């Protein structure tokens, strides 16, 4: 059978809990808390029987730290890719962080208006494109294997439902992803299928 027909399994996880040096909004920073380090170990432990071939992660520190802790237990390499990072905060960089700072952008994306984005930053379409291209590259390198991908909640919620053929594009609305929560994708020549969301089977999520 051609490698193209061998499914690659992507276990896409949000990074572990982090704390930040400043209350100002930024595209960088974040260091795992003690709880976050334990979460990273628990993530790896949950995958010990999955024969994970490698860990791919965002270049943001909180994702790299999560990946490195997990890799130590899984005994696999870590590959860092900028394309897996969180959406850009654009001109919001340097502004005090508040819960409603991104409210308008999030509302537009929830309504499937991907032409919007943070002022001076990426549009939703930009995020989906770069994340999709990076995940496709991972799949092409790991046909027939299972890999862990450590990314970020915003980019995951925006992109993953738009890659999968078995859920609607607005699937993630009202469905948050916890720290080290995982979303599993099976990808082969026929396309991409979402198997789980936030560490729960798709049937459990859809059925409530």
N, C-alpha and C. Protein backbone atom coordinates (compact mmCIF):
# COMPACT_ATOMS: atom_id res chain seq x y z
N UNK A 1 0.85 -1.20 0.00
CA UNK A 1 0.00 0.00 0.00
C UNK A 1 0.88 1.25 0.00
N UNK A 2 0.54 2.22 -0.81
CA UNK A 2 1.29 3.47 -0.87
C UNK A 2 1.22 4.21 0.45
N UNK A 3 2.32 4.91 0.80
CA UNK A 3 2.34 5.71 2.02
C UNK A 3 1.22 6.74 2.04
N UNK A 4 0.80 7.18 0.86
CA UNK A 4 -0.26 8.19 0.80
C UNK A 4 -1.56 7.69 1.41
N UNK A 5 -1.75 6.37 1.43
CA UNK A 5 -2.99 5.81 1.96
C UNK A 5 -2.84 5.35 3.41
N UNK A 6 -1.65 5.50 3.97
CA UNK A 6 -1.43 5.19 5.39
C UNK A 6 -1.75 6.44 6.21
N UNK A 7 -2.66 6.29 7.13
CA UNK A 7 -3.08 7.46 7.91
C UNK A 7 -1.97 7.92 8.86
N UNK A 8 -1.79 9.22 8.90
CA UNK A 8 -0.95 9.83 9.94
C UNK A 8 -1.90 10.25 11.06
N UNK A 9 -1.54 9.95 12.28
CA UNK A 9 -2.36 10.34 13.42
C UNK A 9 -1.69 11.50 14.13
N UNK A 10 -2.39 12.63 14.19
CA UNK A 10 -1.88 13.82 14.87
C UNK A 10 -2.62 14.00 16.18
N UNK A 11 -1.90 13.98 17.28
CA UNK A 11 -2.48 14.31 18.58
C UNK A 11 -2.06 15.75 18.87
N UNK A 12 -2.96 16.69 18.61
CA UNK A 12 -2.64 18.11 18.73
C UNK A 12 -3.04 18.59 20.11
N UNK A 13 -2.06 19.03 20.89
CA UNK A 13 -2.31 19.43 22.28
C UNK A 13 -2.07 20.91 22.49
N UNK A 14 -2.89 21.49 23.34
CA UNK A 14 -2.59 22.85 23.81
C UNK A 14 -1.43 22.75 24.80
N UNK A 15 -0.60 23.77 24.84
CA UNK A 15 0.51 23.80 25.80
C UNK A 15 -0.01 23.75 27.24
N UNK A 16 0.88 23.48 28.18
CA UNK A 16 0.53 23.42 29.59
C UNK A 16 0.40 24.83 30.19
N UNK A 17 -0.08 24.88 31.42
CA UNK A 17 -0.30 26.16 32.11
C UNK A 17 1.00 26.96 32.21
N UNK A 18 0.90 28.25 31.91
CA UNK A 18 2.09 29.11 31.93
C UNK A 18 1.81 30.39 32.70
N UNK A 19 2.88 31.04 33.12
CA UNK A 19 2.79 32.36 33.74
C UNK A 19 3.66 33.31 32.94
N UNK A 20 3.38 34.60 33.07
CA UNK A 20 4.03 35.58 32.21
C UNK A 20 4.74 36.65 33.03
N UNK A 21 5.81 37.16 32.45
CA UNK A 21 6.65 38.14 33.14
C UNK A 21 5.97 39.50 33.26
N UNK A 22 4.97 39.74 32.42
CA UNK A 22 4.32 41.05 32.37
C UNK A 22 2.84 40.88 32.09
N UNK A 23 2.05 41.88 32.46
CA UNK A 23 0.62 41.88 32.16
C UNK A 23 0.34 42.47 30.78
N UNK A 24 1.39 42.86 30.08
CA UNK A 24 1.23 43.45 28.75
C UNK A 24 1.09 42.35 27.70
N UNK A 25 0.24 42.59 26.73
CA UNK A 25 -0.01 41.62 25.66
C UNK A 25 1.23 41.48 24.79
N UNK A 26 1.54 40.25 24.41
CA UNK A 26 2.74 40.01 23.63
C UNK A 26 2.60 38.74 22.80
N UNK A 27 3.40 38.65 21.74
CA UNK A 27 3.46 37.43 20.93
C UNK A 27 4.50 36.46 21.46
N UNK A 28 5.15 36.80 22.56
CA UNK A 28 6.21 35.94 23.08
C UNK A 28 6.03 35.76 24.59
N UNK A 29 6.98 35.08 25.18
CA UNK A 29 6.96 34.92 26.63
C UNK A 29 6.15 33.74 27.10
N UNK A 30 6.09 33.62 28.39
CA UNK A 30 5.35 32.53 29.01
C UNK A 30 6.28 31.41 29.44
N UNK A 31 6.26 31.10 30.71
CA UNK A 31 7.06 30.01 31.25
C UNK A 31 6.14 29.10 32.05
N UNK A 32 6.32 27.80 31.93
CA UNK A 32 5.40 26.88 32.59
C UNK A 32 5.44 27.04 34.11
N UNK A 33 4.27 26.97 34.71
CA UNK A 33 4.17 26.94 36.16
C UNK A 33 4.53 25.53 36.64
N UNK A 34 4.62 25.35 37.96
CA UNK A 34 4.86 24.01 38.49
C UNK A 34 3.73 23.07 38.08
N UNK A 35 2.49 23.60 38.12
CA UNK A 35 1.34 22.79 37.68
C UNK A 35 1.47 22.44 36.21
N UNK A 36 1.96 23.41 35.41
CA UNK A 36 2.13 23.17 33.98
C UNK A 36 3.16 22.08 33.70
N UNK A 37 4.20 22.03 34.49
CA UNK A 37 5.20 20.99 34.31
C UNK A 37 4.62 19.61 34.62
N UNK A 38 3.79 19.54 35.65
CA UNK A 38 3.14 18.28 35.97
C UNK A 38 2.13 17.90 34.88
N UNK A 39 1.44 18.89 34.33
CA UNK A 39 0.51 18.63 33.23
C UNK A 39 1.25 18.06 32.02
N UNK A 40 2.43 18.58 31.74
CA UNK A 40 3.22 18.10 30.60
C UNK A 40 3.62 16.64 30.80
N UNK A 41 3.99 16.29 32.02
CA UNK A 41 4.34 14.90 32.33
C UNK A 41 3.12 14.00 32.18
N UNK A 42 1.96 14.50 32.64
CA UNK A 42 0.73 13.71 32.53
C UNK A 42 0.35 13.50 31.07
N UNK A 43 0.56 14.52 30.24
CA UNK A 43 0.29 14.39 28.81
C UNK A 43 1.14 13.27 28.22
N UNK A 44 2.42 13.28 28.53
CA UNK A 44 3.31 12.25 28.01
C UNK A 44 2.89 10.86 28.51
N UNK A 45 2.56 10.78 29.79
CA UNK A 45 2.16 9.49 30.36
C UNK A 45 0.93 8.93 29.65
N UNK A 46 0.01 9.81 29.28
CA UNK A 46 -1.21 9.36 28.60
C UNK A 46 -0.93 8.81 27.20
N UNK A 47 0.27 9.10 26.68
CA UNK A 47 0.61 8.68 25.32
C UNK A 47 1.68 7.58 25.28
N UNK A 48 2.04 7.04 26.42
CA UNK A 48 3.12 6.07 26.48
C UNK A 48 2.86 4.83 25.62
N UNK A 49 1.58 4.45 25.50
CA UNK A 49 1.27 3.25 24.72
C UNK A 49 0.92 3.55 23.27
N UNK A 50 1.13 4.79 22.83
CA UNK A 50 0.76 5.18 21.48
C UNK A 50 1.93 5.14 20.48
N UNK A 51 3.11 4.80 20.94
CA UNK A 51 4.29 4.76 20.07
C UNK A 51 4.48 6.05 19.29
N UNK A 52 4.47 7.15 20.00
CA UNK A 52 4.65 8.46 19.39
C UNK A 52 6.03 8.54 18.74
N UNK A 53 6.05 8.95 17.48
CA UNK A 53 7.30 8.97 16.70
C UNK A 53 8.12 10.24 16.93
N UNK A 54 7.44 11.34 17.20
CA UNK A 54 8.14 12.62 17.37
C UNK A 54 7.16 13.63 17.96
N UNK A 55 7.71 14.73 18.44
CA UNK A 55 6.89 15.84 18.92
C UNK A 55 7.23 17.08 18.11
N UNK A 56 6.22 17.68 17.53
CA UNK A 56 6.37 18.94 16.82
C UNK A 56 5.72 20.02 17.68
N UNK A 57 6.33 21.20 17.73
CA UNK A 57 5.74 22.24 18.59
C UNK A 57 5.96 23.64 18.03
N UNK A 58 5.13 24.54 18.49
CA UNK A 58 5.26 25.96 18.22
C UNK A 58 6.60 26.45 18.77
N UNK A 59 7.08 27.57 18.24
CA UNK A 59 8.34 28.13 18.73
C UNK A 59 8.15 29.03 19.94
N UNK A 60 6.92 29.17 20.44
CA UNK A 60 6.67 29.96 21.64
C UNK A 60 7.13 29.17 22.87
N UNK A 61 7.75 29.86 23.82
CA UNK A 61 8.43 29.19 24.94
C UNK A 61 7.53 28.22 25.69
N UNK A 62 6.27 28.60 25.92
CA UNK A 62 5.39 27.73 26.69
C UNK A 62 5.11 26.41 25.97
N UNK A 63 5.09 26.45 24.65
CA UNK A 63 4.90 25.23 23.86
C UNK A 63 6.18 24.40 23.82
N UNK A 64 7.32 25.06 23.66
CA UNK A 64 8.60 24.35 23.62
C UNK A 64 8.85 23.64 24.94
N UNK A 65 8.58 24.32 26.05
CA UNK A 65 8.79 23.70 27.36
C UNK A 65 7.87 22.50 27.56
N UNK A 66 6.61 22.63 27.15
CA UNK A 66 5.68 21.51 27.24
C UNK A 66 6.19 20.32 26.44
N UNK A 67 6.65 20.59 25.21
CA UNK A 67 7.14 19.54 24.33
C UNK A 67 8.40 18.87 24.89
N UNK A 68 9.31 19.66 25.42
CA UNK A 68 10.56 19.10 25.92
C UNK A 68 10.33 18.21 27.14
N UNK A 69 9.43 18.60 28.02
CA UNK A 69 9.13 17.77 29.19
C UNK A 69 8.48 16.46 28.75
N UNK A 70 7.54 16.56 27.83
CA UNK A 70 6.88 15.35 27.31
C UNK A 70 7.88 14.46 26.58
N UNK A 71 8.78 15.06 25.83
CA UNK A 71 9.75 14.29 25.04
C UNK A 71 10.70 13.50 25.92
N UNK A 72 11.04 14.05 27.09
CA UNK A 72 11.94 13.35 27.99
C UNK A 72 11.35 12.02 28.45
N UNK A 73 10.03 11.99 28.64
CA UNK A 73 9.36 10.76 29.06
C UNK A 73 9.09 9.82 27.88
N UNK A 74 8.76 10.40 26.74
CA UNK A 74 8.44 9.59 25.57
C UNK A 74 9.69 9.16 24.79
N UNK A 75 10.82 9.81 25.10
CA UNK A 75 12.10 9.50 24.46
C UNK A 75 12.02 9.66 22.94
N UNK A 76 11.55 10.82 22.53
CA UNK A 76 11.44 11.15 21.11
C UNK A 76 12.00 12.55 20.87
N UNK A 77 12.33 12.87 19.63
CA UNK A 77 12.86 14.21 19.33
C UNK A 77 11.78 15.28 19.31
N UNK A 78 12.21 16.52 19.52
CA UNK A 78 11.32 17.68 19.43
C UNK A 78 11.72 18.50 18.22
N UNK A 79 10.74 18.83 17.39
CA UNK A 79 10.98 19.67 16.21
C UNK A 79 10.14 20.93 16.35
N UNK A 80 10.78 22.08 16.30
CA UNK A 80 10.14 23.37 16.55
C UNK A 80 9.79 24.04 15.23
N UNK A 81 8.53 24.49 15.11
CA UNK A 81 8.07 25.13 13.89
C UNK A 81 7.26 26.39 14.20
N UNK A 82 7.65 27.50 13.59
CA UNK A 82 6.97 28.77 13.80
C UNK A 82 5.52 28.71 13.34
N UNK A 83 5.23 27.90 12.34
CA UNK A 83 3.88 27.84 11.79
C UNK A 83 2.85 27.30 12.75
N UNK A 84 3.27 26.73 13.88
CA UNK A 84 2.34 26.15 14.85
C UNK A 84 2.03 27.11 16.00
N UNK A 85 2.50 28.35 15.91
CA UNK A 85 2.33 29.28 17.03
C UNK A 85 0.91 29.84 17.11
N UNK A 86 0.64 30.58 18.18
CA UNK A 86 -0.65 31.22 18.38
C UNK A 86 -0.83 32.36 17.39
N UNK A 87 -2.09 32.79 17.18
CA UNK A 87 -2.33 33.91 16.27
C UNK A 87 -1.64 35.17 16.79
N UNK A 88 -1.23 36.02 15.87
CA UNK A 88 -0.50 37.24 16.22
C UNK A 88 -1.41 38.28 16.86
N UNK A 89 -0.90 38.93 17.91
CA UNK A 89 -1.68 39.98 18.58
C UNK A 89 -1.56 41.32 17.86
N UNK A 90 -0.67 41.43 16.88
CA UNK A 90 -0.56 42.65 16.08
C UNK A 90 -0.31 43.90 16.90
N UNK A 91 -1.10 44.93 16.62
CA UNK A 91 -0.92 46.22 17.29
C UNK A 91 -1.37 46.21 18.75
N UNK A 92 -1.95 45.11 19.20
CA UNK A 92 -2.29 44.99 20.62
C UNK A 92 -1.06 44.73 21.48
N UNK A 93 0.07 44.41 20.86
CA UNK A 93 1.31 44.17 21.60
C UNK A 93 1.66 45.39 22.44
N UNK A 94 1.96 45.16 23.70
CA UNK A 94 2.32 46.24 24.61
C UNK A 94 1.14 46.84 25.35
N UNK A 95 -0.08 46.46 24.99
CA UNK A 95 -1.27 46.95 25.69
C UNK A 95 -1.57 46.04 26.89
N UNK A 96 -2.11 46.61 27.97
CA UNK A 96 -2.49 45.77 29.12
C UNK A 96 -3.50 44.71 28.68
N UNK A 97 -3.28 43.48 29.10
CA UNK A 97 -4.18 42.40 28.71
C UNK A 97 -5.47 42.47 29.52
N UNK A 98 -6.59 42.39 28.82
CA UNK A 98 -7.90 42.30 29.45
C UNK A 98 -8.69 41.20 28.75
N UNK A 99 -9.69 40.66 29.40
CA UNK A 99 -10.46 39.56 28.84
C UNK A 99 -11.20 39.94 27.56
N UNK A 100 -11.52 41.23 27.42
CA UNK A 100 -12.29 41.65 26.25
C UNK A 100 -11.42 42.24 25.14
N UNK A 101 -10.09 42.18 25.29
CA UNK A 101 -9.20 42.79 24.30
C UNK A 101 -9.41 42.18 22.92
N UNK A 102 -9.63 40.87 22.87
CA UNK A 102 -9.78 40.17 21.60
C UNK A 102 -11.25 39.84 21.30
N UNK A 103 -12.16 40.44 22.04
CA UNK A 103 -13.57 40.06 21.91
C UNK A 103 -14.12 40.24 20.50
N UNK A 104 -13.82 41.37 19.87
CA UNK A 104 -14.35 41.62 18.52
C UNK A 104 -13.79 40.63 17.50
N UNK A 105 -12.50 40.34 17.63
CA UNK A 105 -11.88 39.39 16.71
C UNK A 105 -12.47 38.00 16.90
N UNK A 106 -12.61 37.59 18.16
CA UNK A 106 -13.16 36.27 18.44
C UNK A 106 -14.60 36.15 17.94
N UNK A 107 -15.36 37.21 18.08
CA UNK A 107 -16.76 37.20 17.61
C UNK A 107 -16.82 37.05 16.09
N UNK A 108 -15.94 37.77 15.40
CA UNK A 108 -15.90 37.68 13.94
C UNK A 108 -15.52 36.26 13.50
N UNK A 109 -14.51 35.69 14.14
CA UNK A 109 -14.09 34.34 13.77
C UNK A 109 -15.16 33.31 14.10
N UNK A 110 -15.85 33.50 15.22
CA UNK A 110 -16.92 32.57 15.57
C UNK A 110 -18.04 32.60 14.54
N UNK A 111 -18.21 33.77 13.89
CA UNK A 111 -19.21 33.92 12.84
C UNK A 111 -18.65 33.56 11.47
N UNK A 112 -17.45 32.95 11.46
CA UNK A 112 -16.78 32.49 10.23
C UNK A 112 -16.33 33.63 9.32
N UNK A 113 -16.12 34.82 9.90
CA UNK A 113 -15.53 35.92 9.14
C UNK A 113 -14.03 35.89 9.38
N UNK A 114 -13.32 35.17 8.52
CA UNK A 114 -11.88 35.01 8.71
C UNK A 114 -11.07 36.14 8.07
N UNK A 115 -11.76 37.15 7.53
CA UNK A 115 -11.05 38.30 6.97
C UNK A 115 -10.59 39.23 8.08
N UNK A 116 -11.14 39.03 9.28
CA UNK A 116 -10.81 39.88 10.42
C UNK A 116 -9.58 39.33 11.15
N UNK A 117 -9.00 40.16 12.01
CA UNK A 117 -7.86 39.77 12.81
C UNK A 117 -7.46 40.92 13.70
N UNK A 118 -6.50 40.72 14.56
CA UNK A 118 -6.03 41.83 15.39
C UNK A 118 -5.43 42.90 14.48
N UNK A 119 -5.67 44.18 14.77
CA UNK A 119 -5.11 45.24 13.93
C UNK A 119 -3.60 45.06 13.78
N UNK A 120 -3.13 45.08 12.53
CA UNK A 120 -1.71 44.92 12.28
C UNK A 120 -1.21 43.49 12.39
N UNK A 121 -2.11 42.55 12.64
CA UNK A 121 -1.72 41.15 12.79
C UNK A 121 -2.29 40.28 11.69
N UNK A 122 -2.30 38.99 11.93
CA UNK A 122 -2.83 38.04 10.96
C UNK A 122 -4.34 38.07 10.90
N UNK A 123 -4.88 37.77 9.74
CA UNK A 123 -6.31 37.51 9.63
C UNK A 123 -6.55 36.05 10.03
N UNK A 124 -7.80 35.71 10.24
CA UNK A 124 -8.14 34.32 10.52
C UNK A 124 -7.71 33.41 9.39
N UNK A 125 -7.87 33.88 8.16
CA UNK A 125 -7.46 33.09 7.00
C UNK A 125 -5.96 32.84 7.01
N UNK A 126 -5.17 33.82 7.43
CA UNK A 126 -3.73 33.66 7.53
C UNK A 126 -3.38 32.54 8.51
N UNK A 127 -4.06 32.55 9.66
CA UNK A 127 -3.79 31.55 10.69
C UNK A 127 -4.11 30.15 10.19
N UNK A 128 -5.28 30.00 9.58
CA UNK A 128 -5.69 28.69 9.07
C UNK A 128 -4.73 28.20 7.99
N UNK A 129 -4.29 29.12 7.14
CA UNK A 129 -3.38 28.74 6.06
C UNK A 129 -2.05 28.24 6.60
N UNK A 130 -1.42 28.99 7.48
CA UNK A 130 -0.09 28.59 7.96
C UNK A 130 -0.16 27.35 8.85
N UNK A 131 -1.19 27.26 9.70
CA UNK A 131 -1.34 26.07 10.54
C UNK A 131 -1.61 24.85 9.67
N UNK A 132 -2.50 25.02 8.68
CA UNK A 132 -2.84 23.92 7.80
C UNK A 132 -1.63 23.42 7.03
N UNK A 133 -0.82 24.34 6.52
CA UNK A 133 0.37 23.96 5.76
C UNK A 133 1.37 23.23 6.65
N UNK A 134 1.50 23.69 7.89
CA UNK A 134 2.45 23.05 8.80
C UNK A 134 1.99 21.65 9.18
N UNK A 135 0.71 21.50 9.46
CA UNK A 135 0.19 20.18 9.82
C UNK A 135 0.25 19.22 8.63
N UNK A 136 0.04 19.73 7.43
CA UNK A 136 0.15 18.89 6.24
C UNK A 136 1.58 18.39 6.08
N UNK A 137 2.54 19.26 6.35
CA UNK A 137 3.94 18.88 6.27
C UNK A 137 4.26 17.78 7.28
N UNK A 138 3.73 17.92 8.50
CA UNK A 138 3.94 16.90 9.53
C UNK A 138 3.37 15.57 9.06
N UNK A 139 2.16 15.60 8.53
CA UNK A 139 1.51 14.37 8.04
C UNK A 139 2.34 13.69 6.96
N UNK A 140 2.85 14.47 6.03
CA UNK A 140 3.60 13.89 4.92
C UNK A 140 4.89 13.22 5.39
N UNK A 141 5.41 13.66 6.52
CA UNK A 141 6.64 13.07 7.05
C UNK A 141 6.37 11.88 7.97
N UNK A 142 5.11 11.69 8.35
CA UNK A 142 4.80 10.67 9.36
C UNK A 142 3.62 9.78 8.95
N UNK A 143 3.56 9.41 7.67
CA UNK A 143 2.51 8.48 7.24
C UNK A 143 2.62 7.16 8.00
N UNK A 144 1.50 6.70 8.53
CA UNK A 144 1.49 5.45 9.27
C UNK A 144 1.99 5.57 10.69
N UNK A 145 2.27 6.79 11.14
CA UNK A 145 2.79 7.01 12.50
C UNK A 145 1.88 7.94 13.30
N UNK A 146 2.13 7.96 14.60
CA UNK A 146 1.43 8.88 15.50
C UNK A 146 2.43 9.91 16.01
N UNK A 147 2.05 11.18 15.92
CA UNK A 147 2.92 12.25 16.41
C UNK A 147 2.13 13.17 17.34
N UNK A 148 2.85 13.78 18.26
CA UNK A 148 2.27 14.78 19.15
C UNK A 148 2.64 16.16 18.62
N UNK A 149 1.65 17.03 18.52
CA UNK A 149 1.87 18.41 18.08
C UNK A 149 1.43 19.33 19.21
N UNK A 150 2.32 20.19 19.70
CA UNK A 150 1.99 21.11 20.79
C UNK A 150 1.80 22.50 20.22
N UNK A 151 0.59 23.03 20.37
CA UNK A 151 0.25 24.33 19.78
C UNK A 151 -0.51 25.18 20.81
N UNK A 152 -1.48 25.94 20.33
CA UNK A 152 -2.15 26.94 21.17
C UNK A 152 -3.65 26.93 20.90
N UNK A 153 -4.40 27.27 21.92
CA UNK A 153 -5.86 27.15 21.88
C UNK A 153 -6.50 27.94 20.73
N UNK A 154 -6.13 29.20 20.57
CA UNK A 154 -6.76 30.03 19.55
C UNK A 154 -6.54 29.47 18.15
N UNK A 155 -5.30 29.15 17.82
CA UNK A 155 -5.00 28.61 16.50
C UNK A 155 -5.62 27.24 16.29
N UNK A 156 -5.63 26.42 17.33
CA UNK A 156 -6.24 25.09 17.22
C UNK A 156 -7.74 25.19 16.97
N UNK A 157 -8.42 26.01 17.74
CA UNK A 157 -9.88 26.11 17.62
C UNK A 157 -10.28 26.69 16.26
N UNK A 158 -9.46 27.58 15.75
CA UNK A 158 -9.75 28.19 14.46
C UNK A 158 -9.49 27.24 13.30
N UNK A 159 -8.40 26.48 13.40
CA UNK A 159 -7.92 25.70 12.26
C UNK A 159 -8.46 24.28 12.19
N UNK A 160 -8.42 23.54 13.29
CA UNK A 160 -8.70 22.10 13.22
C UNK A 160 -10.06 21.76 12.65
N UNK A 161 -11.15 22.44 13.05
CA UNK A 161 -12.45 22.10 12.45
C UNK A 161 -12.50 22.39 10.95
N UNK A 162 -11.67 23.32 10.49
CA UNK A 162 -11.68 23.67 9.07
C UNK A 162 -10.84 22.71 8.24
N UNK A 163 -10.07 21.89 8.89
CA UNK A 163 -9.31 20.86 8.19
C UNK A 163 -10.09 19.55 8.12
N UNK A 164 -10.93 19.30 9.12
CA UNK A 164 -11.63 18.02 9.23
C UNK A 164 -12.89 17.99 8.36
N UNK A 165 -13.13 16.84 7.77
CA UNK A 165 -14.29 16.69 6.88
C UNK A 165 -15.56 16.27 7.63
N UNK A 166 -15.43 15.87 8.89
CA UNK A 166 -16.58 15.31 9.61
C UNK A 166 -17.20 16.24 10.64
N UNK A 167 -16.76 17.50 10.68
CA UNK A 167 -17.40 18.49 11.57
C UNK A 167 -17.58 19.79 10.79
N UNK A 168 -18.43 20.65 11.30
CA UNK A 168 -18.66 21.94 10.65
C UNK A 168 -17.55 22.92 11.02
N UNK A 169 -17.40 23.97 10.23
CA UNK A 169 -16.35 24.95 10.46
C UNK A 169 -16.51 25.67 11.80
N UNK A 170 -17.74 25.78 12.29
CA UNK A 170 -17.97 26.47 13.56
C UNK A 170 -18.01 25.50 14.74
N UNK A 171 -17.51 24.29 14.54
CA UNK A 171 -17.57 23.26 15.58
C UNK A 171 -16.98 23.72 16.91
N UNK A 172 -15.91 24.50 16.88
CA UNK A 172 -15.19 24.88 18.11
C UNK A 172 -15.88 25.97 18.91
N UNK A 173 -16.90 26.62 18.35
CA UNK A 173 -17.59 27.70 19.08
C UNK A 173 -18.19 27.12 20.35
N UNK A 174 -17.83 27.71 21.48
CA UNK A 174 -18.34 27.24 22.76
C UNK A 174 -17.68 25.97 23.26
N UNK A 175 -16.59 25.56 22.61
CA UNK A 175 -15.89 24.33 23.01
C UNK A 175 -14.42 24.66 23.29
N UNK A 176 -14.11 25.12 24.48
CA UNK A 176 -12.72 25.49 24.82
C UNK A 176 -11.80 24.26 24.86
N UNK A 177 -10.52 24.53 24.87
CA UNK A 177 -9.51 23.47 24.99
C UNK A 177 -8.70 23.76 26.26
N UNK A 178 -8.67 22.82 27.17
CA UNK A 178 -7.95 22.99 28.42
C UNK A 178 -6.45 22.92 28.21
N UNK A 179 -5.67 23.32 29.22
CA UNK A 179 -4.23 23.10 29.16
C UNK A 179 -3.96 21.62 28.94
N UNK A 180 -3.10 21.31 28.01
CA UNK A 180 -2.73 19.97 27.52
C UNK A 180 -3.93 19.15 27.06
N UNK A 181 -5.06 19.81 26.80
CA UNK A 181 -6.18 19.12 26.17
C UNK A 181 -5.78 18.75 24.75
N UNK A 182 -6.19 17.57 24.31
CA UNK A 182 -5.77 17.08 22.99
C UNK A 182 -6.94 16.96 22.02
N UNK A 183 -6.63 17.18 20.75
CA UNK A 183 -7.57 16.98 19.65
C UNK A 183 -6.88 16.05 18.66
N UNK A 184 -7.49 14.89 18.41
CA UNK A 184 -6.84 13.90 17.56
C UNK A 184 -7.40 13.92 16.14
N UNK A 185 -6.49 13.90 15.18
CA UNK A 185 -6.85 13.90 13.77
C UNK A 185 -6.24 12.69 13.08
N UNK A 186 -7.00 12.05 12.21
CA UNK A 186 -6.48 10.99 11.34
C UNK A 186 -6.46 11.55 9.92
N UNK A 187 -5.31 11.51 9.27
CA UNK A 187 -5.14 12.15 7.96
C UNK A 187 -4.57 11.14 6.97
N UNK A 188 -5.27 10.93 5.86
CA UNK A 188 -4.76 10.07 4.79
C UNK A 188 -5.08 10.71 3.45
N UNK A 189 -4.95 9.95 2.38
CA UNK A 189 -5.15 10.50 1.03
C UNK A 189 -6.58 10.97 0.81
N UNK A 190 -7.52 10.47 1.61
CA UNK A 190 -8.92 10.86 1.46
C UNK A 190 -9.28 12.11 2.25
N UNK A 191 -8.34 12.60 3.06
CA UNK A 191 -8.63 13.81 3.82
C UNK A 191 -8.37 13.64 5.30
N UNK A 192 -9.00 14.49 6.09
CA UNK A 192 -8.74 14.60 7.53
C UNK A 192 -10.03 14.36 8.31
N UNK A 193 -9.94 13.55 9.36
CA UNK A 193 -11.09 13.26 10.22
C UNK A 193 -10.73 13.60 11.65
N UNK A 194 -11.60 14.32 12.33
CA UNK A 194 -11.42 14.65 13.74
C UNK A 194 -11.97 13.50 14.58
N UNK A 195 -11.12 12.95 15.46
CA UNK A 195 -11.53 11.82 16.29
C UNK A 195 -11.89 12.23 17.72
N UNK A 196 -11.25 13.26 18.21
CA UNK A 196 -11.52 13.69 19.59
C UNK A 196 -11.30 15.19 19.72
N UNK A 197 -11.87 15.74 20.79
CA UNK A 197 -11.75 17.18 21.05
C UNK A 197 -11.56 17.40 22.55
N UNK A 198 -10.54 18.12 22.92
CA UNK A 198 -10.25 18.41 24.32
C UNK A 198 -10.21 17.13 25.16
N UNK A 199 -9.51 16.13 24.61
CA UNK A 199 -9.27 14.85 25.29
C UNK A 199 -10.54 14.01 25.50
N UNK A 200 -11.57 14.31 24.76
CA UNK A 200 -12.81 13.51 24.81
C UNK A 200 -13.14 13.02 23.41
N UNK A 201 -13.68 11.83 23.31
CA UNK A 201 -14.07 11.30 22.01
C UNK A 201 -15.06 12.25 21.34
N UNK A 202 -15.07 12.24 20.03
CA UNK A 202 -15.99 13.13 19.32
C UNK A 202 -17.43 12.82 19.65
N UNK A 203 -17.76 11.55 19.80
CA UNK A 203 -19.13 11.17 20.15
C UNK A 203 -19.53 11.76 21.50
N UNK A 204 -18.61 11.76 22.46
CA UNK A 204 -18.90 12.31 23.78
C UNK A 204 -19.10 13.81 23.72
N UNK A 205 -18.30 14.48 22.88
CA UNK A 205 -18.42 15.94 22.75
C UNK A 205 -19.73 16.32 22.08
N UNK A 206 -20.02 15.66 20.98
CA UNK A 206 -21.23 15.97 20.22
C UNK A 206 -22.48 15.59 21.00
N UNK A 207 -22.40 14.46 21.71
CA UNK A 207 -23.55 13.98 22.45
C UNK A 207 -23.75 14.66 23.79
N UNK A 208 -22.79 15.51 24.16
CA UNK A 208 -22.89 16.23 25.43
C UNK A 208 -22.42 15.42 26.60
